[in-house]
Amino acid sequence: MTAYKIFKVSTWWSTTTLIRRTENTLSVIEEQGHEIVTVSFGVDIFMRPTAFITIRIKT
């Protein structure tokens, strides 16, 4: 069975900070052996710049 999980990374400060945090999160996810399906950028309900990371969890 394939399972998916969505991670949300956001910041009030700057897009540079958001990109750095997203890259760090992606590195941790890859080290854990999960497959990254998509990464998209947008805003959350509070209009904060946000990255949404979808991963496929290996079971």
C-alpha atoms as a PDB file:
ATOM      1  CA  MET A   1       0.000   0.000   0.000  1.00  0.00           C
ATOM      2  CA  THR A   2       1.228   3.479  -0.817  1.00  0.00           C
ATOM      3  CA  ALA A   3       0.834   6.261   1.709  1.00  0.00           C
ATOM      4  CA  TYR A   4       1.303   9.974   1.107  1.00  0.00           C
ATOM      5  CA  LYS A   5       1.968  12.822   3.515  1.00  0.00           C
ATOM      6  CA  ILE A   6       1.994  16.591   2.975  1.00  0.00           C
ATOM      7  CA  PHE A   7       4.409  18.797   4.896  1.00  0.00           C
ATOM      8  CA  LYS A   8       3.863  22.537   5.202  1.00  0.00           C
ATOM      9  CA  VAL A   9       6.785  24.935   5.652  1.00  0.00           C
ATOM     10  CA  SER A  10       6.043  28.636   6.103  1.00  0.00           C
ATOM     11  CA  THR A  11       7.589  31.871   7.317  1.00  0.00           C
ATOM     12  CA  TRP A  12       6.612  35.491   7.860  1.00  0.00           C
ATOM     13  CA  TRP A  13      10.106  36.779   7.084  1.00  0.00           C
ATOM     14  CA  SER A  14      11.190  36.348   3.472  1.00  0.00           C
ATOM     15  CA  THR A  15      11.069  34.041   0.502  1.00  0.00           C
ATOM     16  CA  THR A  16      14.813  33.453   0.915  1.00  0.00           C
ATOM     17  CA  THR A  17      14.180  32.103   4.424  1.00  0.00           C
ATOM     18  CA  LEU A  18      11.314  29.993   3.091  1.00  0.00           C
ATOM     19  CA  ILE A  19      13.495  28.498   0.365  1.00  0.00           C
ATOM     20  CA  ARG A  20      16.280  27.712   2.849  1.00  0.00           C
ATOM     21  CA  ARG A  21      13.847  26.033   5.277  1.00  0.00           C
ATOM     22  CA  THR A  22      12.265  24.078   2.431  1.00  0.00           C
ATOM     23  CA  GLU A  23      15.652  22.856   1.195  1.00  0.00           C
ATOM     24  CA  ASN A  24      16.586  21.764   4.730  1.00  0.00           C
ATOM     25  CA  THR A  25      13.284  19.920   5.117  1.00  0.00           C
ATOM     26  CA  LEU A  26      13.755  18.206   1.743  1.00  0.00           C
ATOM     27  CA  SER A  27      17.231  17.048   2.786  1.00  0.00           C
ATOM     28  CA  VAL A  28      15.888  15.503   5.994  1.00  0.00           C
ATOM     29  CA  ILE A  29      13.055  13.767   4.133  1.00  0.00           C
ATOM     30  CA  GLU A  30      15.461  12.287   1.565  1.00  0.00           C
ATOM     31  CA  GLU A  31      17.834  11.097   4.303  1.00  0.00           C
ATOM     32  CA  GLN A  32      14.910   9.205   5.844  1.00  0.00           C
ATOM     33  CA  GLY A  33      14.463   7.373   2.535  1.00  0.00           C
ATOM     34  CA  HIS A  34      11.117   8.810   1.465  1.00  0.00           C
ATOM     35  CA  GLU A  35      10.336   9.764  -2.125  1.00  0.00           C
ATOM     36  CA  ILE A  36       9.514  13.422  -2.772  1.00  0.00           C
ATOM     37  CA  VAL A  37       6.551  13.632  -5.144  1.00  0.00           C
ATOM     38  CA  THR A  38       5.948  17.382  -5.434  1.00  0.00           C
ATOM     39  CA  VAL A  39       7.036  20.715  -3.992  1.00  0.00           C
ATOM     40  CA  SER A  40       4.820  23.735  -4.557  1.00  0.00           C
ATOM     41  CA  PHE A  41       4.842  27.284  -3.271  1.00  0.00           C
ATOM     42  CA  GLY A  42       1.831  29.396  -2.390  1.00  0.00           C
ATOM     43  CA  VAL A  43       0.243  31.075   0.616  1.00  0.00           C
ATOM     44  CA  ASP A  44      -1.631  29.646   3.584  1.00  0.00           C
ATOM     45  CA  ILE A  45      -4.897  30.867   5.080  1.00  0.00           C
ATOM     46  CA  PHE A  46      -3.038  33.719   6.840  1.00  0.00           C
ATOM     47  CA  MET A  47      -1.382  34.800   3.548  1.00  0.00           C
ATOM     48  CA  ARG A  48       2.066  33.602   4.696  1.00  0.00           C
ATOM     49  CA  PRO A  49       4.445  32.408   1.978  1.00  0.00           C
ATOM     50  CA  THR A  50       4.296  28.625   2.258  1.00  0.00           C
ATOM     51  CA  ALA A  51       5.848  25.548   0.672  1.00  0.00           C
ATOM     52  CA  PHE A  52       3.833  22.343   0.432  1.00  0.00           C
ATOM     53  CA  ILE A  53       5.867  19.132   0.128  1.00  0.00           C
ATOM     54  CA  THR A  54       4.177  15.866  -0.834  1.00  0.00           C
ATOM     55  CA  ILE A  55       6.060  12.645  -0.093  1.00  0.00           C
ATOM     56  CA  ARG A  56       5.409   8.964  -0.745  1.00  0.00           C
ATOM     57  CA  ILE A  57       6.032   6.996   2.425  1.00  0.00           C
ATOM     58  CA  LYS A  58       7.678   3.636   1.883  1.00  0.00           C
ATOM     59  CA  THR A  59       5.904   0.942   3.861  1.00  0.00           C
END
